[in-house]
Protein backbone atom coordinates (compact mmCIF):
# COMPACT_ATOMS: atom_id res chain seq x y z
CA UNK A 1 0.00 0.00 0.00
CA UNK A 2 1.31 3.44 -0.90
CA UNK A 3 2.12 6.00 1.78
CA UNK A 4 -0.92 8.22 2.52
CA UNK A 5 -0.77 11.85 1.46
CA UNK A 6 -1.80 12.79 5.00
CA UNK A 7 -1.34 10.72 8.11
CA UNK A 8 -2.67 11.63 11.56
CA UNK A 9 -1.13 9.32 14.15
CA UNK A 10 -2.57 9.07 17.68
CA UNK A 11 -2.90 12.83 18.03
CA UNK A 12 -3.80 14.43 21.34
CA UNK A 13 -4.51 18.14 21.60
CA UNK A 14 -5.41 20.63 24.31
CA UNK A 15 -6.44 24.25 24.63
CA UNK A 16 -4.94 26.64 27.15
CA UNK A 17 -2.67 23.86 28.34
CA UNK A 18 -5.41 22.05 30.25
CA UNK A 19 -8.64 21.55 28.26
CA UNK A 20 -8.12 18.30 26.37
CA UNK A 21 -9.97 18.15 23.04
CA UNK A 22 -8.42 15.16 21.24
CA UNK A 23 -7.55 11.77 22.72
CA UNK A 24 -5.46 9.79 20.26
CA UNK A 25 -7.15 10.63 16.95
CA UNK A 26 -5.84 8.67 13.96
CA UNK A 27 -6.75 8.78 10.28
CA UNK A 28 -5.11 8.88 6.88
CA UNK A 29 -6.03 10.44 3.56
CA UNK A 30 -4.86 8.71 0.40
CA UNK A 31 -3.90 10.66 -2.68
CA UNK A 32 -6.89 11.19 -4.95
CA UNK A 33 -9.63 10.36 -2.47
CA UNK A 34 -12.39 12.20 -0.64
CA UNK A 35 -12.20 11.40 3.07
CA UNK A 36 -15.04 12.45 5.37
CA UNK A 37 -14.44 13.23 9.03
CA UNK A 38 -17.75 12.69 10.81
CA UNK A 39 -19.07 13.37 14.27
CA UNK A 40 -21.61 15.33 16.24
CA UNK A 41 -21.07 18.91 17.34
CA UNK A 42 -18.12 18.94 19.75
CA UNK A 43 -16.69 15.59 18.63
CA UNK A 44 -13.31 17.13 17.76
CA UNK A 45 -13.62 17.61 14.00
CA UNK A 46 -12.57 21.28 13.86
CA UNK A 47 -9.74 20.74 16.32
CA UNK A 48 -8.44 17.87 14.21
CA UNK A 49 -8.48 19.96 11.04
CA UNK A 50 -6.77 22.89 12.75
CA UNK A 51 -4.12 20.51 14.04
CA UNK A 52 -3.60 19.24 10.49
CA UNK A 53 -2.99 22.81 9.25
CA UNK A 54 -0.96 23.80 12.35
CA UNK A 55 -3.52 26.46 13.25
CA UNK A 56 -4.07 25.46 16.88
CA UNK A 57 -1.42 27.81 18.32
CA UNK A 58 -3.44 30.77 17.02
CA UNK A 59 -6.24 29.69 19.38
CA UNK A 60 -4.03 28.92 22.39
CA UNK A 61 -4.09 25.25 21.53
CA UNK A 62 -1.39 22.71 20.80
CA UNK A 63 -0.79 19.11 19.80
CA UNK A 64 0.50 17.43 22.94
CA UNK A 65 1.12 13.93 21.59
CA UNK A 66 1.17 12.06 18.31
CA UNK A 67 2.26 13.22 14.87
CA UNK A 68 0.75 14.61 11.70
CA UNK A 69 2.60 14.14 8.41
CA UNK A 70 1.65 15.69 5.07
CA UNK A 71 3.58 14.38 2.09
CA UNK A 72 6.62 13.66 4.26
CA UNK A 73 6.48 16.96 6.17
CA UNK A 74 5.79 17.10 9.90
CA UNK A 75 3.00 19.70 10.02
CA UNK A 76 3.83 20.62 13.62
CA UNK A 77 7.25 21.81 12.44
CA UNK A 78 5.91 23.59 9.35
CA UNK A 79 4.26 27.01 9.38
CA UNK A 80 0.69 27.31 8.11
CA UNK A 81 1.92 29.51 5.25
CA UNK A 82 4.50 26.92 4.21
CA UNK A 83 1.87 24.18 4.37
CA UNK A 84 -0.24 26.16 1.91
CA UNK A 85 2.77 26.45 -0.40
CA UNK A 86 3.23 22.69 -0.11
CA UNK A 87 -0.38 22.19 -1.17
CA UNK A 88 -2.31 21.74 2.09
CA UNK A 89 -5.04 24.39 2.00
CA UNK A 90 -7.90 24.71 4.48
CA UNK A 91 -11.29 26.38 4.24
CA UNK A 92 -12.31 27.21 7.79
CA UNK A 93 -15.79 26.79 9.21
CA UNK A 94 -18.02 29.82 8.84
CA UNK A 95 -17.45 30.97 5.24
CA UNK A 96 -14.61 33.34 6.10
CA UNK A 97 -14.43 36.04 3.45
CA UNK A 98 -13.05 39.54 3.38
CA UNK A 99 -16.46 41.20 3.51
CA UNK A 100 -15.22 44.61 2.36
CA UNK A 101 -13.57 43.14 -0.76
CA UNK A 102 -15.33 42.06 -3.91
CA UNK A 103 -15.75 38.40 -4.76
CA UNK A 104 -12.96 38.62 -7.33
CA UNK A 105 -10.63 40.39 -4.91
CA UNK A 106 -11.28 37.62 -2.39
CA UNK A 107 -10.37 35.02 -5.00
CA UNK A 108 -7.18 36.83 -5.94
CA UNK A 109 -5.96 36.76 -2.34
CA UNK A 110 -5.74 32.99 -2.71
CA UNK A 111 -2.94 33.39 -5.25
CA UNK A 112 -0.81 35.57 -2.98
CA UNK A 113 2.38 34.06 -1.63
CA UNK A 114 3.03 31.47 -4.34
CA UNK A 115 4.82 33.75 -6.77
CA UNK A 116 2.39 33.12 -9.59
CA UNK A 117 2.67 35.03 -12.83
CA UNK A 118 -0.19 37.22 -13.99
CA UNK A 119 -1.11 34.78 -16.78
CA UNK A 120 -1.23 31.89 -14.31
CA UNK A 121 -3.48 33.85 -11.96
CA UNK A 122 -5.78 34.77 -14.85
CA UNK A 123 -6.00 31.11 -15.84
CA UNK A 124 -6.75 30.02 -12.28
CA UNK A 125 -9.42 32.69 -11.97
CA UNK A 126 -11.09 31.50 -15.16
CA UNK A 127 -10.96 27.95 -13.81
CA UNK A 128 -12.72 28.94 -10.57
CA UNK A 129 -15.39 30.82 -12.52
CA UNK A 130 -15.89 27.69 -14.60
CA UNK A 131 -16.42 25.64 -11.44
CA UNK A 132 -18.69 28.20 -9.78
CA UNK A 133 -20.40 30.26 -12.51
CA UNK A 134 -22.36 32.24 -9.90
CA UNK A 135 -19.11 33.78 -8.71
CA UNK A 136 -18.44 35.20 -12.15
CA UNK A 137 -21.84 36.88 -12.12
CA UNK A 138 -21.09 38.32 -8.67
CA UNK A 139 -17.40 39.07 -9.18
CA UNK A 140 -17.79 42.84 -8.69
CA UNK A 141 -20.07 42.47 -5.66
CA UNK A 142 -18.76 42.95 -2.13
CA UNK A 143 -18.48 39.53 -0.49
CA UNK A 144 -20.39 40.82 2.53
CA UNK A 145 -23.42 41.40 0.34
CA UNK A 146 -23.44 37.89 -1.13
CA UNK A 147 -25.60 35.00 0.02
CA UNK A 148 -24.25 32.35 2.34
CA UNK A 149 -23.88 29.91 -0.54
CA UNK A 150 -22.01 32.44 -2.65
CA UNK A 151 -19.69 33.22 0.26
CA UNK A 152 -18.94 29.53 0.71
CA UNK A 153 -18.20 29.19 -2.99
CA UNK A 154 -15.91 32.22 -2.76
CA UNK A 155 -14.08 30.72 0.22
CA UNK A 156 -13.57 27.43 -1.63
CA UNK A 157 -12.64 29.27 -4.82
CA UNK A 158 -10.02 31.28 -2.94
CA UNK A 159 -8.54 28.02 -1.65
CA UNK A 160 -8.46 26.62 -5.19
CA UNK A 161 -6.51 29.69 -6.32
CA UNK A 162 -3.69 28.38 -4.08
CA UNK A 163 -3.55 25.22 -6.22
CA UNK A 164 -4.05 22.72 -3.39
CA UNK A 165 -3.08 19.09 -3.50
CA UNK A 166 -5.14 18.44 -0.36
CA UNK A 167 -8.20 20.62 0.21
CA UNK A 168 -9.36 20.61 3.84
CA UNK A 169 -12.96 21.72 4.42
CA UNK A 170 -14.62 22.34 7.78
CA UNK A 171 -18.43 21.98 7.75
CA UNK A 172 -19.02 23.36 4.22
CA UNK A 173 -22.75 22.58 4.42
CA UNK A 174 -23.41 24.51 7.62
CA UNK A 175 -26.31 26.94 7.30
CA UNK A 176 -26.83 26.36 3.58
CA UNK A 177 -29.92 25.23 1.69
CA UNK A 178 -29.87 21.56 0.55
CA UNK A 179 -29.71 22.47 -3.15
CA UNK A 180 -26.70 24.73 -2.56
CA UNK A 181 -24.99 22.01 -0.54
CA UNK A 182 -25.57 19.49 -3.32
CA UNK A 183 -24.17 21.89 -5.92
CA UNK A 184 -21.01 22.50 -3.87
CA UNK A 185 -20.42 18.81 -3.21
CA UNK A 186 -21.05 17.93 -6.86
CA UNK A 187 -18.37 20.40 -7.90
CA UNK A 188 -15.97 19.06 -5.29
CA UNK A 189 -16.50 15.51 -6.50
CA UNK A 190 -15.92 16.63 -10.09
CA UNK A 191 -12.62 18.24 -9.07
CA UNK A 192 -11.67 15.04 -7.30
CA UNK A 193 -12.57 12.79 -10.22
CA UNK A 194 -11.22 14.95 -13.05
CA UNK A 195 -8.17 16.54 -11.45
CA UNK A 196 -7.31 14.06 -8.71
CA UNK A 197 -7.72 16.66 -5.96
CA UNK A 198 -7.56 15.01 -2.54
CA UNK A 199 -10.19 16.27 -0.10
CA UNK A 200 -10.59 15.96 3.66
CA UNK A 201 -14.00 17.24 4.71
CA UNK A 202 -15.37 17.50 8.24
CA UNK A 203 -19.14 17.24 8.35
CA UNK A 204 -21.89 16.84 10.90
CA UNK A 205 -24.23 16.02 8.00
CA UNK A 206 -23.25 12.39 7.62
CA UNK A 207 -25.84 11.72 4.90
CA UNK A 208 -24.27 14.24 2.53
CA UNK A 209 -20.68 13.43 3.43
CA UNK A 210 -21.02 9.66 3.01
CA UNK A 211 -22.78 10.12 -0.33
CA UNK A 212 -19.71 11.79 -1.83
CA UNK A 213 -16.80 10.35 0.16
CA UNK A 214 -14.63 7.34 -0.63
CA UNK A 215 -13.75 6.63 3.00
CA UNK A 216 -14.75 8.08 6.36
CA UNK A 217 -13.61 8.36 9.96
CA UNK A 218 -16.02 8.91 12.85
CA UNK A 219 -15.01 10.85 15.96
CA UNK A 220 -16.73 10.71 19.31
CA UNK A 221 -15.66 12.90 22.23
CA UNK A 222 -12.26 13.52 20.67
CA UNK A 223 -11.56 9.87 19.86
CA UNK A 224 -11.51 7.87 16.65
CA UNK A 225 -14.25 5.28 17.05
CA UNK A 226 -14.85 4.02 13.52
CA UNK A 227 -13.33 4.20 10.05
CA UNK A 228 -13.78 2.48 6.74
CA UNK A 229 -15.32 2.53 3.28
CA UNK A 230 -17.97 5.26 3.01
CA UNK A 231 -20.49 3.06 1.19
CA UNK A 232 -20.21 0.40 3.88
CA UNK A 233 -20.63 2.95 6.66
CA UNK A 234 -23.58 4.47 4.84
CA UNK A 235 -25.47 1.19 5.27
CA UNK A 236 -24.99 1.16 9.04
CA UNK A 237 -28.04 2.43 10.86
CA UNK A 238 -26.04 3.22 14.01
CA UNK A 239 -23.97 5.89 12.23
CA UNK A 240 -26.94 8.24 12.13
CA UNK A 241 -28.94 7.10 15.14
CA UNK A 242 -26.09 6.71 17.62
CA UNK A 243 -23.40 9.17 16.60
CA UNK A 244 -25.68 11.94 15.34
CA UNK A 245 -29.02 11.33 17.01
CA UNK A 246 -30.53 12.84 20.13
CA UNK A 247 -28.86 10.16 22.20
CA UNK A 248 -25.45 11.08 20.82
CA UNK A 249 -22.39 12.47 22.47
CA UNK A 250 -23.44 15.99 23.39
CA UNK A 251 -21.63 19.27 23.01
CA UNK A 252 -18.12 18.25 24.10
CA UNK A 253 -14.95 20.23 24.61
CA UNK A 254 -15.04 22.14 21.32
CA UNK A 255 -18.42 23.65 22.17
CA UNK A 256 -17.09 24.58 25.60
CA UNK A 257 -14.16 26.39 23.96
CA UNK A 258 -16.47 28.22 21.55
CA UNK A 259 -18.67 29.35 24.42
């Protein structure tokens, strides 16, 4: 078996030196696959993704044990900016856009820092508009005046302008209408199938995630409790009823941090 593009090995993480959020999380993402990270609110999904991108220190958090390796690089010893240059690009939860910039200006910020030539940037911009035609129609509109779906497309488009090899998405469906969610996931799957883009997506909506993923990992209370082929997991009734139902795991540490 080939070496995974991303490997998360028994990772533990804590905030403020004492609030433990992850307890030995492990998963791997193979080149060219869509891997879903599932779990209820507070299960540790966002913390795991921020650990992958070495963003925890910005929130007074840190990986306290284990190791994360992206294409041979220890992410804990690599700056977030350098990880982006290496091809690991994350879209954070919440549709983060520069609200005072236009949609096109937001997209162009994704090309900063990689030394791209003007012709390359123009080509990448045309590519993003081809993927999300609505963004082309709204390219002169301030991002803050766009709909939630358009902002999410802009955030993903900005990440694509960085030419990722691994696109990391945190709850891309949150707060969006089902038809918008389907459109976004269809485009992501097309990028995966046609361009070989590897994708790690954290989702509370297991139905959507398992429909488009190749493999999946389930977190519960900061621990890896299940992993395997997405189609197989999709057939398991306990995935929805136990891990995401009313009798599930509750808010957890991440919700406590957010509060």
